[in-house]
Each structure stands twice: as C-alpha cells, then as structure tokens.
Amino acid sequence: MNDSVAGEKNSLQLPQSFKDLPISGEILKSLNEIGFDTLFPIQAQAIMPLLEGKDVIGQAQTGTGKTAAFGVPMIQRLETHVKGVQGLILAPTRELAVQVADNLSKFGKYAKIHVLPVYGGESINKQIHALNGSIDIVVGTPGRVIDLMKRRVLDLSSIRIVVLDEADRMLDMGFMEDVEYILYKTPRNRQTSLFSATIDAAVMRVCDKYMKNPEKILVSKDEIAVTQMKQYYIVINQHGKFETLCNILRQDSVEKAIVFCRTRRDASRVSDQMYKKGFRVQALHAGFTQAQRERAINDFKNGRLSLLVATDVAARGLDIQGITHIINYDVPNDPPVYFHRIGRTARKGTNGTAITLVSYGELSNFNNIKALTKTHIEELYSKNKNEQGNNDDSPIQSFY
C-alpha cells in the first residue's frame, strides 16, 4: 500500500477550482449550474488520482463534498460507446443511495449520464424495468444489488469503477459479507475507491484484499473551518424570519451583505419586501438574463446597492471585496453549500460575519453543518423566540 498521505501535499500543488481539472465541458456546465466552483479538501485531493484511474482510500465525513470527489471522476471516465452499467456505488442506507444518485444525475446532466438508485422498501419490478433501459451508473444498498444480480437483471460484467461509500457504516450494519460478494463478482481490472469517516482495521482489511496500491487521502472534518469569521445563528419560527432579518440589518448597521434564499421565488419575495421597507436591495437568481445579472452585481460592487438577495446558483463565483455579512435566510440542505455561502465574506484575510436564521424544521440540517466545523457558531436569541417562552433575554443586537 502506498503510505503517502495526499493530505500532506503542498496546497499550492492542488487544484483550487473545478475549472482547473481535466474534465469535460458538459460536466463543468452542470457543476456551474448547481453552483460548484471552489474545491473542498477531499475534492482537491481525490479527484485527480481518480481521474488517473488509481484506487483511492478517502477518509472523509458526510457533508465534506465527497460525493463530487468520487462522482465527477466516475462520470468523466465512463466510456460512451460501452453498453451496460459501468459504475457501481454501494451505500449503507436507502436515503444515502437516493441522495448520491440525485447528485450524480445533476453532475452528469449535460453528459447525458443515466443514474439509477436501487434499494429495498420499493418495488423491485420498477427497478428491474429501469435496468432494462440504458443505465450507466447504479447506486444501491448491498442487499438490493445482490437481489438484482441473482435475478440476472443487474449484469456487473461491464463495471469499470466501484465506490464503497460510508464503508464504516456498512461494516457496522453487517453488510460487509454482501459487499465482498459483490466485489468478487465485478471485473478484476476495475478501479475501486472507498470513502469512510473512520479507517479502522476492519475497513483496512477490505482495502488490502480488494484494492491495488491505493492512494490514501485523509481529510478530517476540522479542515472545513472558516477562521476569519464570526458565525452566529438564531432559532426562530419560519414566519418570524423576515422581521428578524430587518432587525439584524438595521441594528448591526450592515454595509454590504448577501442574503441567501433557497429558491428563486423566495429570493424575489424577500427582495421585494425589503425594498418596500426602504433597503437598497436587488434579487439575484437564475431567472435573470446575463445583462440583468451583471447590472445587479456592478450596482452591488459600486455601492448603489447594499444588499443582494441571492440563490446559490446565482451567487456562484462571486468574488466581491467589502462584503461584511452573509445572512442565510434558509439553511442549505447540503452542508458544503453553507461553507461556500459564507466564504463570500472574510475574503483575503478580512473579517466577516455570518448569521443563519434556522427554523425549527431546519434544525437537523443545521446540526449537520455544526458537526463539520471546528469554529464556534454562537446562538443568538430573537424577540420572537423569547415570546415563545425562552427565558434568555439576550438581544439580537449584542453580536459583539
């Protein structure tokens, strides 16, 4: 086994952006459309070895961007003239299989890649019917994959790339015998990668048995941290978000900020409401023409606007100096998006403030984000929350 740890490589040798990678224009177009630009550590370190056809062991938590780390190279390396399933991703749970398949479908949208999630708890006939069509990548739980293999519906003879996602969880759930059976049935010349939050002796035994001189890439959750920034959050009823947003903007004398919303409709609605309240604000989302987008960004850069209310897609690649605040009106579903958002401030060593408005239904997603950063995210309390029985009367304005 190659004991060199890619995490020790000089960061200057690593690609910084998806545009720095030798991937197709179709894949880049898809990544741009969903707002992927800057590479996360696991992506910067794993994608090139995988593109080169090497086996890879990646130690990375959920939410560190690992799906793109293995998904983008897999899509790039598929042979367009080959019929049959070429990529196989094994995942421990139905939820993860669906999430990974959805992401890969987005990455491969313009490359016309067809991805199918397979898992128990859903009609196998529906999955059999889909496999009779043109499927390039299967993402599945081990039990359902074996079921489809034994029914002679899922043929693994064309498999070129296998990924074991969250291998430690598959071990804990007792799936490793199934995983080994599946690996035994795939071609020996396949590329194999394994991603796991922990790399223990049991995981290493699988690596030693089924991988060829793998490159080890160790990315701890501590690497996802924004140290030049103060981070806060407020737990609040969804209906109280707009009033709280206005209070924050007024009380903290915000000079230049981006407010992030999840959808175009929300961005337009929040922007319109803020305009009526007297704020110098403009929405920015994918429904804008290029000319409208450039005009809004230039007005923001030049100080004619102090606020942009943006969706993630519209804000991709924004590098504007002087942004003092990022306010998450909605909590992103995907934890890495949080770090992409707040990275719009505290640029080039300057300080910045990030504030996230967390509705009660978003607490689970926000807890996933908190688990991925070593920097402290401090809770603030809103008037709305205090009125609901919270005895802490800390005012919102006491940010500092």
Protein backbone atom coordinates (compact mmCIF):
# COMPACT_ATOMS: atom_id res chain seq x y z
CA MET A 1 0.00 0.00 0.00
CA ASN A 2 1.15 3.50 -0.75
CA ASP A 3 1.61 5.17 2.65
CA SER A 4 1.94 8.66 1.24
CA VAL A 5 -0.89 10.81 2.55
CA ALA A 6 -2.26 13.19 -0.02
CA GLY A 7 -3.43 15.47 2.76
CA GLU A 8 0.20 16.37 3.36
CA LYS A 9 0.71 17.69 -0.15
CA ASN A 10 1.53 21.31 -0.55
CA SER A 11 -1.80 23.04 -1.12
CA LEU A 12 -0.23 25.08 -3.92
CA GLN A 13 0.13 21.86 -5.95
CA LEU A 14 -3.57 21.09 -5.66
CA PRO A 15 -6.28 22.38 -8.00
CA GLN A 16 -8.37 25.16 -6.47
CA SER A 17 -11.44 25.06 -8.71
CA PHE A 18 -13.35 22.55 -10.82
CA LYS A 19 -12.21 24.66 -13.80
CA ASP A 20 -8.62 23.61 -13.01
CA LEU A 21 -9.45 19.94 -13.58
CA PRO A 22 -9.25 18.00 -16.87
CA ILE A 23 -12.99 17.34 -17.07
CA SER A 24 -15.38 17.80 -19.96
CA GLY A 25 -17.25 20.98 -20.78
CA GLU A 26 -20.54 19.14 -20.24
CA ILE A 27 -19.61 18.26 -16.66
CA LEU A 28 -18.32 21.77 -15.98
CA LYS A 29 -21.56 23.23 -17.29
CA SER A 30 -23.54 21.03 -14.88
CA LEU A 31 -21.29 21.95 -11.94
CA ASN A 32 -21.57 25.65 -12.74
CA GLU A 33 -25.34 25.37 -12.93
CA ILE A 34 -25.57 23.95 -9.41
CA GLY A 35 -23.11 26.46 -8.01
CA PHE A 36 -20.00 24.29 -7.62
CA ASP A 37 -16.80 26.26 -8.12
CA THR A 38 -14.17 26.14 -5.37
CA LEU A 39 -12.95 22.66 -4.45
CA PHE A 40 -13.27 21.30 -0.93
CA PRO A 41 -10.21 19.50 0.51
CA ILE A 42 -11.39 15.97 -0.30
CA GLN A 43 -12.25 17.06 -3.85
CA ALA A 44 -8.93 18.84 -4.40
CA GLN A 45 -7.02 15.76 -3.25
CA ALA A 46 -9.09 12.83 -4.56
CA ILE A 47 -10.34 13.85 -7.99
CA MET A 48 -7.01 13.83 -9.85
CA PRO A 49 -5.91 10.34 -8.66
CA LEU A 50 -9.35 9.01 -9.52
CA LEU A 51 -9.24 10.64 -12.97
CA GLU A 52 -5.88 8.92 -13.46
CA GLY A 53 -7.50 5.56 -12.73
CA LYS A 54 -5.89 4.99 -9.34
CA ASP A 55 -7.58 3.26 -6.43
CA VAL A 56 -8.25 5.66 -3.56
CA ILE A 57 -8.99 5.39 0.16
CA GLY A 58 -10.64 8.60 1.34
CA GLN A 59 -11.24 9.36 4.99
CA ALA A 60 -13.98 11.96 4.97
CA GLN A 61 -17.18 12.73 6.83
CA THR A 62 -20.61 13.08 5.25
CA GLY A 63 -21.02 16.66 4.10
CA THR A 64 -17.39 17.27 3.15
CA GLY A 65 -18.13 17.15 -0.59
CA LYS A 66 -17.06 13.54 -1.10
CA THR A 67 -19.92 12.72 -3.48
CA ALA A 68 -18.46 15.10 -6.06
CA ALA A 69 -14.98 13.80 -5.19
CA PHE A 70 -15.84 10.34 -6.49
CA GLY A 71 -18.83 11.18 -8.69
CA VAL A 72 -17.19 13.67 -11.04
CA PRO A 73 -14.25 11.36 -11.95
CA MET A 74 -16.63 8.43 -12.40
CA ILE A 75 -18.76 10.36 -14.89
CA GLN A 76 -15.67 11.66 -16.70
CA ARG A 77 -14.21 8.16 -17.09
CA LEU A 78 -17.32 6.44 -18.44
CA GLU A 79 -16.93 5.08 -21.97
CA THR A 80 -19.77 6.46 -24.09
CA HIS A 81 -19.65 3.57 -26.59
CA VAL A 82 -19.99 0.85 -23.92
CA LYS A 83 -23.46 -0.56 -23.28
CA GLY A 84 -24.29 -1.71 -19.78
CA VAL A 85 -23.67 -0.49 -16.25
CA GLN A 86 -20.11 0.85 -15.89
CA GLY A 87 -20.23 2.49 -12.46
CA LEU A 88 -21.39 0.93 -9.17
CA ILE A 89 -21.67 2.81 -5.88
CA LEU A 90 -22.56 0.90 -2.72
CA ALA A 91 -24.15 2.82 0.15
CA PRO A 92 -25.38 1.69 3.58
CA THR A 93 -28.85 3.23 3.50
CA ARG A 94 -31.70 3.93 1.14
CA GLU A 95 -31.53 7.64 1.99
CA LEU A 96 -27.85 7.90 1.09
CA ALA A 97 -28.32 5.91 -2.12
CA VAL A 98 -31.08 8.28 -3.26
CA GLN A 99 -29.05 11.37 -2.32
CA VAL A 100 -25.89 10.17 -4.10
CA ALA A 101 -27.85 9.15 -7.21
CA ASP A 102 -29.58 12.53 -7.30
CA ASN A 103 -26.24 14.35 -7.08
CA LEU A 104 -24.64 12.23 -9.81
CA SER A 105 -27.63 12.86 -12.07
CA LYS A 106 -27.06 16.58 -11.61
CA PHE A 107 -23.30 16.28 -12.27
CA GLY A 108 -23.95 14.25 -15.43
CA LYS A 109 -26.96 16.20 -16.71
CA TYR A 110 -25.32 17.55 -19.87
CA ALA A 111 -23.12 14.49 -20.33
CA LYS A 112 -26.43 12.58 -20.61
CA ILE A 113 -25.47 10.09 -17.91
CA HIS A 114 -28.26 7.86 -16.59
CA VAL A 115 -28.12 7.00 -12.88
CA LEU A 116 -30.39 4.58 -11.03
CA PRO A 117 -30.75 4.21 -7.25
CA VAL A 118 -31.71 0.68 -6.12
CA TYR A 119 -32.73 -0.18 -2.57
CA GLY A 120 -35.14 -2.25 -0.52
CA GLY A 121 -38.51 -0.93 0.52
CA GLU A 122 -39.54 -0.05 -3.02
CA SER A 123 -40.99 -2.23 -5.77
CA ILE A 124 -38.18 -4.29 -7.29
CA ASN A 125 -40.19 -4.54 -10.52
CA LYS A 126 -39.85 -0.81 -11.05
CA GLN A 127 -36.06 -1.08 -10.65
CA ILE A 128 -35.94 -4.14 -12.94
CA HIS A 129 -37.83 -2.20 -15.61
CA ALA A 130 -35.37 0.71 -15.32
CA LEU A 131 -32.38 -1.64 -15.63
CA ASN A 132 -33.77 -2.96 -18.89
CA GLY A 133 -33.18 0.54 -20.28
CA SER A 134 -29.96 2.47 -20.65
CA ILE A 135 -28.33 2.84 -17.20
CA ASP A 136 -24.69 3.93 -16.80
CA ILE A 137 -24.35 4.07 -13.01
CA VAL A 138 -26.14 2.12 -10.28
CA VAL A 139 -26.17 3.45 -6.71
CA GLY A 140 -27.51 0.87 -4.31
CA THR A 141 -27.68 -0.79 -0.95
CA PRO A 142 -25.82 -4.13 -0.92
CA GLY A 143 -28.88 -6.32 -0.27
CA ARG A 144 -30.90 -4.97 -3.19
CA VAL A 145 -27.88 -5.04 -5.52
CA ILE A 146 -27.38 -8.76 -4.77
CA ASP A 147 -31.11 -9.41 -5.24
CA LEU A 148 -30.97 -7.83 -8.71
CA MET A 149 -27.77 -9.73 -9.54
CA LYS A 150 -29.35 -13.08 -8.58
CA ARG A 151 -32.39 -12.31 -10.73
CA ARG A 152 -29.90 -11.79 -13.61
CA VAL A 153 -31.16 -8.27 -14.15
CA LEU A 154 -28.06 -6.42 -12.95
CA ASP A 155 -25.06 -7.51 -15.00
CA LEU A 156 -21.73 -6.44 -13.49
CA SER A 157 -19.53 -7.64 -16.36
CA SER A 158 -19.16 -4.08 -17.76
CA ILE A 159 -18.31 -2.48 -14.40
CA ARG A 160 -15.19 -0.30 -14.63
CA ILE A 161 -15.49 1.71 -11.40
CA VAL A 162 -16.71 0.73 -7.93
CA VAL A 163 -17.13 3.10 -4.98
CA LEU A 164 -17.79 1.98 -1.39
CA ASP A 165 -19.41 4.99 0.28
CA GLU A 166 -19.50 5.22 4.09
CA ALA A 167 -17.73 1.86 4.36
CA ASP A 168 -17.55 2.02 8.16
CA ARG A 169 -21.35 2.26 8.39
CA MET A 170 -21.74 -0.69 6.01
CA LEU A 171 -19.46 -2.65 8.35
CA ASP A 172 -21.43 -1.60 11.43
CA MET A 173 -24.69 -2.60 9.77
CA GLY A 174 -23.38 -6.07 8.91
CA PHE A 175 -23.19 -5.57 5.14
CA MET A 176 -19.53 -6.42 4.63
CA GLU A 177 -20.13 -10.02 3.52
CA ASP A 178 -22.56 -8.71 0.91
CA VAL A 179 -20.04 -6.05 -0.17
CA GLU A 180 -17.31 -8.67 -0.59
CA TYR A 181 -19.64 -10.90 -2.60
CA ILE A 182 -20.43 -8.00 -4.95
CA LEU A 183 -16.76 -7.05 -5.32
CA TYR A 184 -15.90 -10.69 -6.12
CA LYS A 185 -18.43 -10.61 -8.98
CA THR A 186 -17.01 -7.45 -10.60
CA PRO A 187 -14.15 -7.48 -13.13
CA ARG A 188 -10.68 -7.65 -11.59
CA ASN A 189 -9.39 -4.71 -13.62
CA ARG A 190 -11.96 -2.34 -12.13
CA GLN A 191 -10.99 0.87 -10.31
CA THR A 192 -12.05 0.77 -6.65
CA SER A 193 -12.36 3.61 -4.18
CA LEU A 194 -13.53 3.59 -0.59
CA PHE A 195 -14.76 6.51 1.49
CA SER A 196 -15.21 6.24 5.22
CA ALA A 197 -15.40 8.58 8.22
CA THR A 198 -13.13 6.19 10.12
CA ILE A 199 -10.42 3.91 8.78
CA ASP A 200 -10.05 1.03 11.24
CA ALA A 201 -8.56 -2.45 10.93
CA ALA A 202 -11.78 -3.96 9.53
CA VAL A 203 -12.00 -1.30 6.79
CA MET A 204 -8.28 -1.73 6.00
CA ARG A 205 -8.76 -5.47 5.61
CA VAL A 206 -11.24 -4.82 2.80
CA CYS A 207 -8.85 -2.30 1.25
CA ASP A 208 -5.92 -4.73 1.36
CA LYS A 209 -7.99 -7.51 -0.17
CA TYR A 210 -9.74 -5.65 -2.98
CA MET A 211 -7.66 -2.57 -3.87
CA LYS A 212 -4.47 -2.13 -5.86
CA ASN A 213 -1.83 0.12 -4.29
CA PRO A 214 -4.45 2.68 -3.19
CA GLU A 215 -3.64 6.31 -2.54
CA LYS A 216 -4.66 7.38 0.96
CA ILE A 217 -6.35 10.73 1.38
CA LEU A 218 -7.15 11.81 4.91
CA VAL A 219 -9.42 14.81 5.33
CA SER A 220 -10.70 15.44 8.82
CA LYS A 221 -13.85 17.42 9.47
CA ASP A 222 -11.61 20.04 11.12
CA GLU A 223 -10.38 21.10 7.69
CA ILE A 224 -13.81 22.61 7.00
CA ALA A 225 -13.43 25.76 9.04
CA VAL A 226 -13.68 29.45 8.42
CA THR A 227 -11.44 31.12 10.96
CA GLN A 228 -11.60 34.74 9.75
CA MET A 229 -15.27 34.99 10.55
CA LYS A 230 -17.74 35.29 13.38
CA GLN A 231 -20.59 32.83 12.92
CA TYR A 232 -23.99 33.13 14.59
CA TYR A 233 -27.39 31.51 14.34
CA ILE A 234 -30.90 32.25 15.53
CA VAL A 235 -33.53 29.55 16.01
CA ILE A 236 -36.83 31.10 15.04
CA ASN A 237 -40.29 30.34 13.74
CA GLN A 238 -40.34 30.45 9.93
CA HIS A 239 -42.92 33.27 9.98
CA GLY A 240 -40.63 35.44 12.11
CA LYS A 241 -37.67 35.30 9.74
CA PHE A 242 -38.38 38.43 7.72
CA GLU A 243 -38.83 40.69 10.75
CA THR A 244 -35.67 39.26 12.30
CA LEU A 245 -33.74 39.84 9.08
CA CYS A 246 -34.79 43.50 9.00
CA ASN A 247 -33.84 43.91 12.68
CA ILE A 248 -30.40 42.47 12.05
CA LEU A 249 -29.77 44.73 9.05
CA ARG A 250 -30.82 47.86 10.95
CA GLN A 251 -29.34 47.15 14.35
CA ASP A 252 -25.96 45.98 13.11
CA SER A 253 -25.59 48.79 10.53
CA VAL A 254 -24.82 46.28 7.79
CA GLU A 255 -22.86 47.95 4.99
CA LYS A 256 -22.71 45.26 2.31
CA ALA A 257 -24.36 41.83 2.61
CA ILE A 258 -25.65 38.88 0.65
CA VAL A 259 -28.84 37.24 1.89
CA PHE A 260 -29.16 33.64 0.69
CA CYS A 261 -32.53 32.05 -0.07
CA ARG A 262 -33.18 28.51 -1.27
CA THR A 263 -35.46 29.29 -4.23
CA ARG A 264 -35.90 31.96 -6.90
CA ARG A 265 -39.41 32.67 -5.63
CA ASP A 266 -38.17 33.26 -2.08
CA ALA A 267 -35.30 35.48 -3.28
CA SER A 268 -37.70 37.67 -5.27
CA ARG A 269 -40.28 37.81 -2.48
CA VAL A 270 -37.76 38.72 0.24
CA SER A 271 -36.10 41.29 -2.01
CA ASP A 272 -39.45 42.94 -2.85
CA GLN A 273 -40.45 43.08 0.82
CA MET A 274 -37.09 44.59 1.78
CA TYR A 275 -37.34 47.19 -0.98
CA LYS A 276 -40.71 48.28 0.40
CA LYS A 277 -39.02 48.68 3.81
CA GLY A 278 -36.53 51.13 2.30
CA PHE A 279 -33.47 48.91 1.83
CA ARG A 280 -31.20 49.34 -1.21
CA VAL A 281 -31.64 45.79 -2.40
CA GLN A 282 -31.80 43.64 -5.54
CA ALA A 283 -32.65 39.97 -6.06
CA LEU A 284 -30.20 37.80 -7.98
CA HIS A 285 -31.23 34.38 -9.29
CA ALA A 286 -31.00 32.14 -12.33
CA GLY A 287 -34.13 33.70 -13.86
CA PHE A 288 -32.08 36.82 -14.66
CA THR A 289 -30.57 37.43 -18.07
CA GLN A 290 -26.80 37.82 -18.16
CA ALA A 291 -27.21 41.59 -18.64
CA GLN A 292 -29.52 41.85 -15.61
CA ARG A 293 -27.14 39.78 -13.54
CA GLU A 294 -24.13 41.93 -14.48
CA ARG A 295 -26.03 45.15 -13.77
CA ALA A 296 -27.07 43.92 -10.30
CA ILE A 297 -23.53 42.78 -9.45
CA ASN A 298 -21.98 46.04 -10.67
CA ASP A 299 -24.50 48.10 -8.66
CA PHE A 300 -23.61 46.00 -5.62
CA LYS A 301 -19.87 46.38 -6.19
CA ASN A 302 -20.13 50.14 -6.71
CA GLY A 303 -22.28 50.77 -3.64
CA ARG A 304 -25.53 51.67 -5.39
CA LEU A 305 -26.94 48.58 -3.68
CA SER A 306 -26.03 47.47 -0.17
CA LEU A 307 -27.83 44.13 -0.32
CA LEU A 308 -28.21 41.22 -2.72
CA VAL A 309 -30.83 38.54 -2.07
CA ALA A 310 -29.47 35.56 -3.98
CA THR A 311 -29.89 31.88 -4.66
CA ASP A 312 -26.84 29.61 -4.52
CA VAL A 313 -26.70 29.17 -8.28
CA ALA A 314 -26.76 32.93 -8.92
CA ALA A 315 -24.03 33.61 -6.36
CA ARG A 316 -21.52 31.09 -7.73
CA GLY A 317 -18.10 32.56 -8.44
CA LEU A 318 -18.90 35.93 -6.82
CA ASP A 319 -15.67 37.50 -5.56
CA ILE A 320 -16.63 40.95 -4.32
CA GLN A 321 -14.50 42.83 -1.84
CA GLY A 322 -16.03 44.54 1.17
CA ILE A 323 -18.87 42.13 1.92
CA THR A 324 -19.29 42.40 5.69
CA HIS A 325 -22.17 39.99 6.26
CA ILE A 326 -23.62 36.78 4.87
CA ILE A 327 -27.13 36.03 6.09
CA ASN A 328 -28.63 32.61 5.46
CA TYR A 329 -32.36 33.22 5.28
CA ASP A 330 -32.72 29.48 4.63
CA VAL A 331 -30.45 26.68 5.85
CA PRO A 332 -28.99 24.82 2.85
CA ASN A 333 -29.87 21.12 2.57
CA ASP A 334 -26.29 20.21 1.64
CA PRO A 335 -23.74 21.15 4.36
CA PRO A 336 -20.89 22.12 1.97
CA VAL A 337 -23.17 24.79 0.47
CA TYR A 338 -23.11 26.58 3.85
CA PHE A 339 -19.32 26.93 3.64
CA HIS A 340 -19.49 28.06 0.00
CA ARG A 341 -22.01 30.73 1.02
CA ILE A 342 -20.15 32.15 3.99
CA GLY A 343 -16.91 32.10 2.02
CA ARG A 344 -18.28 35.11 0.08
CA THR A 345 -17.16 37.25 3.06
CA ALA A 346 -13.89 37.36 5.05
CA ARG A 347 -12.03 37.41 1.72
CA LYS A 348 -8.25 37.81 1.61
CA GLY A 349 -7.78 37.91 5.35
CA THR A 350 -10.51 40.43 6.17
CA ASN A 351 -13.08 39.80 8.89
CA GLY A 352 -16.70 38.93 8.25
CA THR A 353 -19.92 37.91 9.96
CA ALA A 354 -22.26 35.06 9.03
CA ILE A 355 -25.74 34.79 10.54
CA THR A 356 -28.10 31.88 9.86
CA LEU A 357 -31.85 32.00 10.52
CA VAL A 358 -32.84 28.47 11.48
CA SER A 359 -36.49 27.46 11.52
CA TYR A 360 -37.47 24.54 13.71
CA GLY A 361 -37.84 22.33 10.64
CA GLU A 362 -34.27 23.15 9.60
CA LEU A 363 -32.57 22.21 12.89
CA SER A 364 -31.47 18.78 11.66
CA ASN A 365 -29.73 20.22 8.58
CA PHE A 366 -28.11 22.94 10.67
CA ASN A 367 -26.82 20.42 13.21
CA ASN A 368 -25.10 18.59 10.33
CA ILE A 369 -23.35 21.86 9.45
CA LYS A 370 -22.27 22.48 13.04
CA ALA A 371 -20.78 18.99 13.19
CA LEU A 372 -18.47 19.81 10.26
CA THR A 373 -16.71 22.91 11.56
CA LYS A 374 -14.28 23.38 14.42
CA THR A 375 -15.10 27.09 14.64
CA HIS A 376 -17.76 28.08 17.14
CA ILE A 377 -21.20 29.06 15.83
CA GLU A 378 -22.80 31.10 18.58
CA GLU A 379 -26.53 31.07 19.20
CA LEU A 380 -28.34 34.41 19.42
CA TYR A 381 -31.88 34.89 20.63
CA SER A 382 -34.65 36.72 18.84
CA LYS A 383 -37.59 38.58 20.36
CA ASN A 384 -39.84 36.04 18.64
CA LYS A 385 -38.12 33.17 20.41
CA ASN A 386 -38.29 34.85 23.80
CA GLU A 387 -42.01 35.44 23.34
CA GLN A 388 -42.41 31.70 22.87
CA GLY A 389 -41.22 31.02 26.39
CA ASN A 390 -37.41 31.17 26.23
CA ASN A 391 -36.18 32.87 29.37
CA ASP A 392 -32.94 34.10 27.85
CA ASP A 393 -33.45 37.77 27.01
CA SER A 394 -30.19 38.31 25.11
CA PRO A 395 -30.94 40.96 22.48
CA ILE A 396 -30.19 40.32 18.82
CA GLN A 397 -28.08 43.45 18.61
CA SER A 398 -25.46 42.09 21.01
CA PHE A 399 -23.48 40.44 18.21
CA TYR A 400 -20.15 41.56 19.58
